[in-house]
N, C-alpha and C. Protein backbone atom coordinates (compact mmCIF):
# COMPACT_ATOMS: atom_id res chain seq x y z
N MET A 1 0.83 -1.18 0.00
CA MET A 1 0.00 0.00 0.00
C MET A 1 0.88 1.25 0.00
N GLU A 2 0.58 2.21 -0.80
CA GLU A 2 1.32 3.46 -0.93
C GLU A 2 1.03 4.37 0.26
N LYS A 3 2.08 4.79 0.98
CA LYS A 3 1.92 5.68 2.13
C LYS A 3 2.26 7.12 1.79
N ARG A 4 2.66 7.38 0.58
CA ARG A 4 3.10 8.71 0.18
C ARG A 4 1.98 9.73 0.35
N ARG A 5 2.30 10.85 1.01
CA ARG A 5 1.31 11.90 1.26
C ARG A 5 1.47 13.07 0.30
N PHE A 6 2.58 13.11 -0.43
CA PHE A 6 2.84 14.21 -1.34
C PHE A 6 3.08 13.66 -2.74
N SER A 7 2.41 14.23 -3.71
CA SER A 7 2.54 13.77 -5.09
C SER A 7 3.91 14.10 -5.64
N ARG A 8 4.52 13.11 -6.25
CA ARG A 8 5.79 13.36 -6.91
C ARG A 8 5.50 13.64 -8.37
N ILE A 9 6.18 14.63 -8.90
CA ILE A 9 6.03 14.91 -10.32
C ILE A 9 7.37 14.60 -11.00
N ALA A 10 7.27 13.94 -12.13
CA ALA A 10 8.48 13.67 -12.91
C ALA A 10 8.98 15.01 -13.44
N PHE A 11 10.21 15.33 -13.11
CA PHE A 11 10.77 16.61 -13.53
C PHE A 11 12.27 16.46 -13.59
N GLU A 12 12.81 16.38 -14.78
CA GLU A 12 14.24 16.22 -14.94
C GLU A 12 14.91 17.57 -15.05
N ALA A 13 15.98 17.74 -14.27
CA ALA A 13 16.75 18.98 -14.29
C ALA A 13 18.12 18.71 -13.69
N ASP A 14 19.09 19.49 -14.12
CA ASP A 14 20.40 19.42 -13.48
C ASP A 14 20.31 20.13 -12.14
N ALA A 15 21.01 19.60 -11.16
CA ALA A 15 20.99 20.17 -9.82
C ALA A 15 22.33 19.89 -9.15
N HIS A 16 22.49 20.44 -7.97
CA HIS A 16 23.70 20.19 -7.17
C HIS A 16 23.29 19.80 -5.77
N LEU A 17 24.01 18.83 -5.22
CA LEU A 17 23.82 18.40 -3.84
C LEU A 17 25.09 18.77 -3.09
N LEU A 18 24.94 19.65 -2.10
CA LEU A 18 26.07 20.09 -1.29
C LEU A 18 26.02 19.37 0.05
N VAL A 19 27.07 18.60 0.34
CA VAL A 19 27.18 17.86 1.59
C VAL A 19 28.58 18.09 2.15
N ASP A 20 28.84 17.58 3.35
CA ASP A 20 30.17 17.76 3.96
C ASP A 20 31.30 17.27 3.06
N GLN A 21 31.02 16.26 2.25
CA GLN A 21 32.03 15.68 1.37
C GLN A 21 32.33 16.55 0.16
N GLY A 22 31.49 17.55 -0.12
CA GLY A 22 31.70 18.43 -1.26
C GLY A 22 30.41 18.76 -2.00
N ARG A 23 30.60 19.27 -3.22
CA ARG A 23 29.48 19.65 -4.08
C ARG A 23 29.41 18.65 -5.23
N PHE A 24 28.25 18.02 -5.41
CA PHE A 24 28.09 16.98 -6.41
C PHE A 24 27.01 17.34 -7.42
N SER A 25 27.29 17.13 -8.68
CA SER A 25 26.28 17.31 -9.72
C SER A 25 25.35 16.11 -9.69
N VAL A 26 24.05 16.40 -9.71
CA VAL A 26 23.04 15.34 -9.71
C VAL A 26 22.01 15.65 -10.78
N GLN A 27 21.30 14.61 -11.19
CA GLN A 27 20.20 14.75 -12.14
C GLN A 27 18.90 14.54 -11.38
N LEU A 28 18.08 15.57 -11.31
CA LEU A 28 16.79 15.48 -10.64
C LEU A 28 15.88 14.58 -11.48
N GLN A 29 15.22 13.61 -10.83
CA GLN A 29 14.30 12.71 -11.52
C GLN A 29 12.85 13.07 -11.23
N ASP A 30 12.57 13.34 -9.96
CA ASP A 30 11.24 13.81 -9.61
C ASP A 30 11.32 14.65 -8.35
N ILE A 31 10.24 15.39 -8.10
CA ILE A 31 10.23 16.33 -6.98
C ILE A 31 8.82 16.42 -6.41
N SER A 32 8.74 16.73 -5.13
CA SER A 32 7.47 16.97 -4.46
C SER A 32 7.66 18.12 -3.49
N LEU A 33 6.60 18.48 -2.80
CA LEU A 33 6.72 19.53 -1.80
C LEU A 33 7.55 19.08 -0.60
N LYS A 34 7.80 17.80 -0.49
CA LYS A 34 8.50 17.27 0.68
C LYS A 34 9.83 16.59 0.35
N GLY A 35 10.28 16.63 -0.91
CA GLY A 35 11.54 15.99 -1.21
C GLY A 35 11.78 15.80 -2.69
N ALA A 36 12.81 14.99 -2.99
CA ALA A 36 13.19 14.78 -4.38
C ALA A 36 13.91 13.45 -4.52
N LEU A 37 13.96 12.98 -5.76
CA LEU A 37 14.72 11.79 -6.12
C LEU A 37 15.77 12.24 -7.12
N VAL A 38 17.04 11.92 -6.83
CA VAL A 38 18.13 12.36 -7.70
C VAL A 38 19.04 11.19 -8.06
N ASP A 39 19.67 11.32 -9.21
CA ASP A 39 20.72 10.39 -9.64
C ASP A 39 22.05 11.11 -9.59
N LEU A 40 23.05 10.46 -9.02
CA LEU A 40 24.39 11.03 -9.03
C LEU A 40 24.95 10.95 -10.44
N LYS A 41 25.70 11.95 -10.83
CA LYS A 41 26.36 11.93 -12.13
C LYS A 41 27.47 10.88 -12.10
N GLU A 42 27.82 10.39 -13.25
CA GLU A 42 28.84 9.35 -13.40
C GLU A 42 30.12 9.72 -12.66
N GLY A 43 30.67 8.75 -11.92
CA GLY A 43 31.94 8.95 -11.24
C GLY A 43 31.83 9.57 -9.86
N SER A 44 30.61 9.90 -9.42
CA SER A 44 30.42 10.50 -8.09
C SER A 44 30.00 9.44 -7.10
N HIS A 45 30.37 9.65 -5.84
CA HIS A 45 29.93 8.76 -4.76
C HIS A 45 29.77 9.58 -3.49
N ILE A 46 28.61 9.43 -2.85
CA ILE A 46 28.35 10.09 -1.58
C ILE A 46 28.05 9.02 -0.55
N ASP A 47 28.68 9.12 0.61
CA ASP A 47 28.36 8.25 1.72
C ASP A 47 27.04 8.72 2.29
N ALA A 48 25.98 7.96 2.09
CA ALA A 48 24.63 8.40 2.41
C ALA A 48 24.23 8.20 3.86
N ALA A 49 25.09 7.69 4.70
CA ALA A 49 24.71 7.38 6.08
C ALA A 49 24.32 8.65 6.84
N ALA A 50 23.01 8.83 7.02
CA ALA A 50 22.46 9.96 7.80
C ALA A 50 22.99 11.31 7.33
N GLU A 51 23.32 11.41 6.08
CA GLU A 51 23.89 12.64 5.52
C GLU A 51 22.83 13.72 5.34
N ARG A 52 23.18 14.92 5.69
CA ARG A 52 22.33 16.09 5.44
C ARG A 52 23.10 17.02 4.52
N GLY A 53 22.34 17.82 3.79
CA GLY A 53 22.98 18.75 2.88
C GLY A 53 21.97 19.72 2.31
N THR A 54 22.34 20.32 1.18
CA THR A 54 21.47 21.28 0.50
C THR A 54 21.34 20.86 -0.95
N LEU A 55 20.10 20.80 -1.43
CA LEU A 55 19.83 20.53 -2.84
C LEU A 55 19.53 21.87 -3.51
N GLU A 56 20.26 22.17 -4.57
CA GLU A 56 20.04 23.39 -5.34
C GLU A 56 19.62 23.01 -6.75
N ILE A 57 18.45 23.50 -7.15
CA ILE A 57 17.91 23.23 -8.48
C ILE A 57 17.76 24.56 -9.20
N THR A 58 18.43 24.69 -10.34
CA THR A 58 18.29 25.90 -11.14
C THR A 58 17.37 25.61 -12.31
N LEU A 59 16.24 26.30 -12.34
CA LEU A 59 15.27 26.10 -13.42
C LEU A 59 15.74 26.81 -14.68
N ASN A 60 15.12 26.47 -15.81
CA ASN A 60 15.53 27.05 -17.11
C ASN A 60 15.48 28.57 -17.13
N ASN A 61 14.58 29.16 -16.35
CA ASN A 61 14.46 30.61 -16.34
C ASN A 61 15.42 31.27 -15.34
N GLY A 62 16.35 30.48 -14.78
CA GLY A 62 17.35 31.01 -13.87
C GLY A 62 16.92 31.04 -12.42
N ILE A 63 15.70 30.65 -12.12
CA ILE A 63 15.21 30.63 -10.74
C ILE A 63 15.88 29.49 -9.98
N LEU A 64 16.30 29.78 -8.75
CA LEU A 64 16.96 28.79 -7.91
C LEU A 64 15.99 28.31 -6.83
N ILE A 65 15.83 27.00 -6.73
CA ILE A 65 15.11 26.38 -5.62
C ILE A 65 16.17 25.71 -4.76
N SER A 66 16.22 26.10 -3.50
CA SER A 66 17.22 25.56 -2.58
C SER A 66 16.51 25.01 -1.36
N MET A 67 16.83 23.77 -0.99
CA MET A 67 16.22 23.15 0.19
C MET A 67 17.26 22.37 0.97
N ASP A 68 17.17 22.46 2.29
CA ASP A 68 17.99 21.62 3.15
C ASP A 68 17.35 20.24 3.15
N VAL A 69 18.17 19.21 2.96
CA VAL A 69 17.65 17.86 2.80
C VAL A 69 18.38 16.86 3.67
N LYS A 70 17.71 15.74 3.86
CA LYS A 70 18.30 14.58 4.51
C LYS A 70 18.18 13.42 3.53
N ILE A 71 19.26 12.67 3.35
CA ILE A 71 19.21 11.49 2.49
C ILE A 71 18.49 10.40 3.28
N ILE A 72 17.33 9.98 2.77
CA ILE A 72 16.55 8.99 3.51
C ILE A 72 16.66 7.58 2.95
N HIS A 73 17.07 7.47 1.71
CA HIS A 73 17.37 6.15 1.14
C HIS A 73 18.25 6.37 -0.08
N GLY A 74 18.97 5.33 -0.44
CA GLY A 74 19.80 5.50 -1.61
C GLY A 74 20.61 4.28 -1.97
N THR A 75 21.12 4.35 -3.17
CA THR A 75 22.05 3.35 -3.69
C THR A 75 23.30 4.12 -4.11
N ALA A 76 24.20 3.44 -4.77
CA ALA A 76 25.41 4.11 -5.23
C ALA A 76 25.10 5.20 -6.26
N ARG A 77 23.96 5.10 -6.93
CA ARG A 77 23.65 6.06 -8.01
C ARG A 77 22.38 6.89 -7.77
N ARG A 78 21.45 6.42 -6.96
CA ARG A 78 20.16 7.11 -6.81
C ARG A 78 19.86 7.34 -5.33
N MET A 79 19.37 8.56 -5.04
CA MET A 79 19.08 8.90 -3.65
C MET A 79 17.73 9.58 -3.51
N GLY A 80 17.02 9.19 -2.46
CA GLY A 80 15.78 9.86 -2.08
C GLY A 80 16.10 10.88 -1.01
N LEU A 81 15.65 12.11 -1.22
CA LEU A 81 15.96 13.21 -0.31
C LEU A 81 14.67 13.72 0.32
N GLU A 82 14.70 13.94 1.62
CA GLU A 82 13.57 14.53 2.33
C GLU A 82 13.90 15.98 2.63
N CYS A 83 12.98 16.86 2.28
CA CYS A 83 13.16 18.28 2.57
C CYS A 83 12.93 18.50 4.06
N ILE A 84 13.94 19.07 4.74
CA ILE A 84 13.79 19.35 6.17
C ILE A 84 13.63 20.85 6.44
N GLN A 85 14.01 21.67 5.46
CA GLN A 85 13.81 23.12 5.59
C GLN A 85 13.93 23.75 4.20
N ILE A 86 13.10 24.78 3.96
CA ILE A 86 13.12 25.46 2.68
C ILE A 86 12.73 26.92 2.92
N ASP A 87 13.40 27.83 2.23
CA ASP A 87 13.08 29.25 2.42
C ASP A 87 11.80 29.62 1.68
N ILE A 88 11.26 30.77 2.01
CA ILE A 88 9.96 31.20 1.49
C ILE A 88 9.97 31.37 -0.03
N ASP A 89 11.05 31.91 -0.58
CA ASP A 89 11.13 32.08 -2.04
C ASP A 89 11.17 30.73 -2.75
N SER A 90 11.97 29.82 -2.22
CA SER A 90 12.09 28.50 -2.84
C SER A 90 10.77 27.73 -2.78
N ILE A 91 10.07 27.80 -1.63
CA ILE A 91 8.80 27.07 -1.54
C ILE A 91 7.76 27.67 -2.48
N ALA A 92 7.81 28.98 -2.69
CA ALA A 92 6.88 29.62 -3.63
C ALA A 92 7.14 29.12 -5.05
N HIS A 93 8.42 29.02 -5.43
CA HIS A 93 8.76 28.53 -6.78
C HIS A 93 8.43 27.04 -6.91
N LEU A 94 8.70 26.27 -5.86
CA LEU A 94 8.39 24.84 -5.88
C LEU A 94 6.89 24.62 -5.95
N ARG A 95 6.13 25.40 -5.20
CA ARG A 95 4.67 25.31 -5.23
C ARG A 95 4.15 25.55 -6.65
N ARG A 96 4.70 26.56 -7.29
CA ARG A 96 4.27 26.89 -8.66
C ARG A 96 4.63 25.76 -9.63
N LEU A 97 5.82 25.20 -9.47
CA LEU A 97 6.25 24.08 -10.31
C LEU A 97 5.32 22.88 -10.15
N VAL A 98 4.99 22.55 -8.91
CA VAL A 98 4.09 21.44 -8.64
C VAL A 98 2.70 21.75 -9.20
N GLU A 99 2.24 22.97 -8.97
CA GLU A 99 0.92 23.38 -9.45
C GLU A 99 0.80 23.23 -10.97
N LEU A 100 1.83 23.61 -11.68
CA LEU A 100 1.80 23.53 -13.14
C LEU A 100 1.81 22.09 -13.64
N ASN A 101 2.30 21.17 -12.81
CA ASN A 101 2.44 19.79 -13.24
C ASN A 101 1.41 18.83 -12.65
N LEU A 102 0.59 19.29 -11.73
CA LEU A 102 -0.49 18.46 -11.18
C LEU A 102 -1.77 18.75 -11.95
N ALA A 103 -2.50 17.73 -12.25
CA ALA A 103 -3.75 17.91 -12.99
C ALA A 103 -4.87 18.42 -12.09
N ASP A 104 -4.76 18.18 -10.80
CA ASP A 104 -5.84 18.50 -9.87
C ASP A 104 -5.38 19.57 -8.88
N GLU A 105 -5.89 20.79 -9.02
CA GLU A 105 -5.49 21.89 -8.15
C GLU A 105 -5.87 21.64 -6.70
N SER A 106 -6.97 20.95 -6.46
CA SER A 106 -7.39 20.67 -5.08
C SER A 106 -6.37 19.77 -4.38
N LEU A 107 -5.70 18.90 -5.14
CA LEU A 107 -4.66 18.05 -4.59
C LEU A 107 -3.49 18.90 -4.08
N LEU A 108 -3.13 19.94 -4.82
CA LEU A 108 -2.06 20.84 -4.40
C LEU A 108 -2.40 21.48 -3.06
N TYR A 109 -3.60 21.98 -2.91
CA TYR A 109 -3.98 22.65 -1.67
C TYR A 109 -4.05 21.68 -0.50
N ARG A 110 -4.47 20.46 -0.75
CA ARG A 110 -4.47 19.43 0.30
C ARG A 110 -3.04 19.14 0.75
N GLU A 111 -2.11 19.06 -0.20
CA GLU A 111 -0.72 18.79 0.13
C GLU A 111 -0.07 19.96 0.86
N LEU A 112 -0.40 21.19 0.46
CA LEU A 112 0.13 22.37 1.15
C LEU A 112 -0.36 22.40 2.60
N LYS A 113 -1.62 22.05 2.80
CA LYS A 113 -2.19 22.01 4.14
C LYS A 113 -1.46 20.95 4.98
N ALA A 114 -1.19 19.79 4.41
CA ALA A 114 -0.47 18.73 5.12
C ALA A 114 0.96 19.15 5.43
N LEU A 115 1.59 19.87 4.53
CA LEU A 115 2.95 20.34 4.73
C LEU A 115 3.01 21.32 5.90
N VAL A 116 2.07 22.24 5.94
CA VAL A 116 2.02 23.22 7.03
C VAL A 116 1.75 22.52 8.36
N LYS A 117 0.82 21.56 8.35
CA LYS A 117 0.48 20.83 9.56
C LYS A 117 1.69 20.06 10.10
N ASN A 118 2.48 19.46 9.20
CA ASN A 118 3.67 18.70 9.61
C ASN A 118 4.72 19.59 10.23
N ASN A 119 4.77 20.87 9.86
CA ASN A 119 5.80 21.77 10.34
C ASN A 119 5.38 22.60 11.54
N GLU A 120 4.17 22.36 12.06
CA GLU A 120 3.70 23.11 13.25
C GLU A 120 4.33 22.58 14.50
């Protein structure tokens, strides 16, 4: 049974994951209001054990979405990231991105309400 509370949208983009080990180029595979799935670029390796960092996604129009993340699962090439903090500008841009890619606007508002409730 699917326990996911936030819709993931397929959205490919180049991004960077900044962790204590350095700055790594990653390929964004999908994103939600609560996290993202990324693939490490060839030749990169991150020790994912309880690692925290910052995911930076630059959209085609130059807008930057930046979120503090925790690696919650991963393999040598693919990692699931949970958003633990995001600034107001980034969440506004992410909200718009999700809104444009979800077919059901009521779903977006339900997810925003759940996101706010989780952070209270």
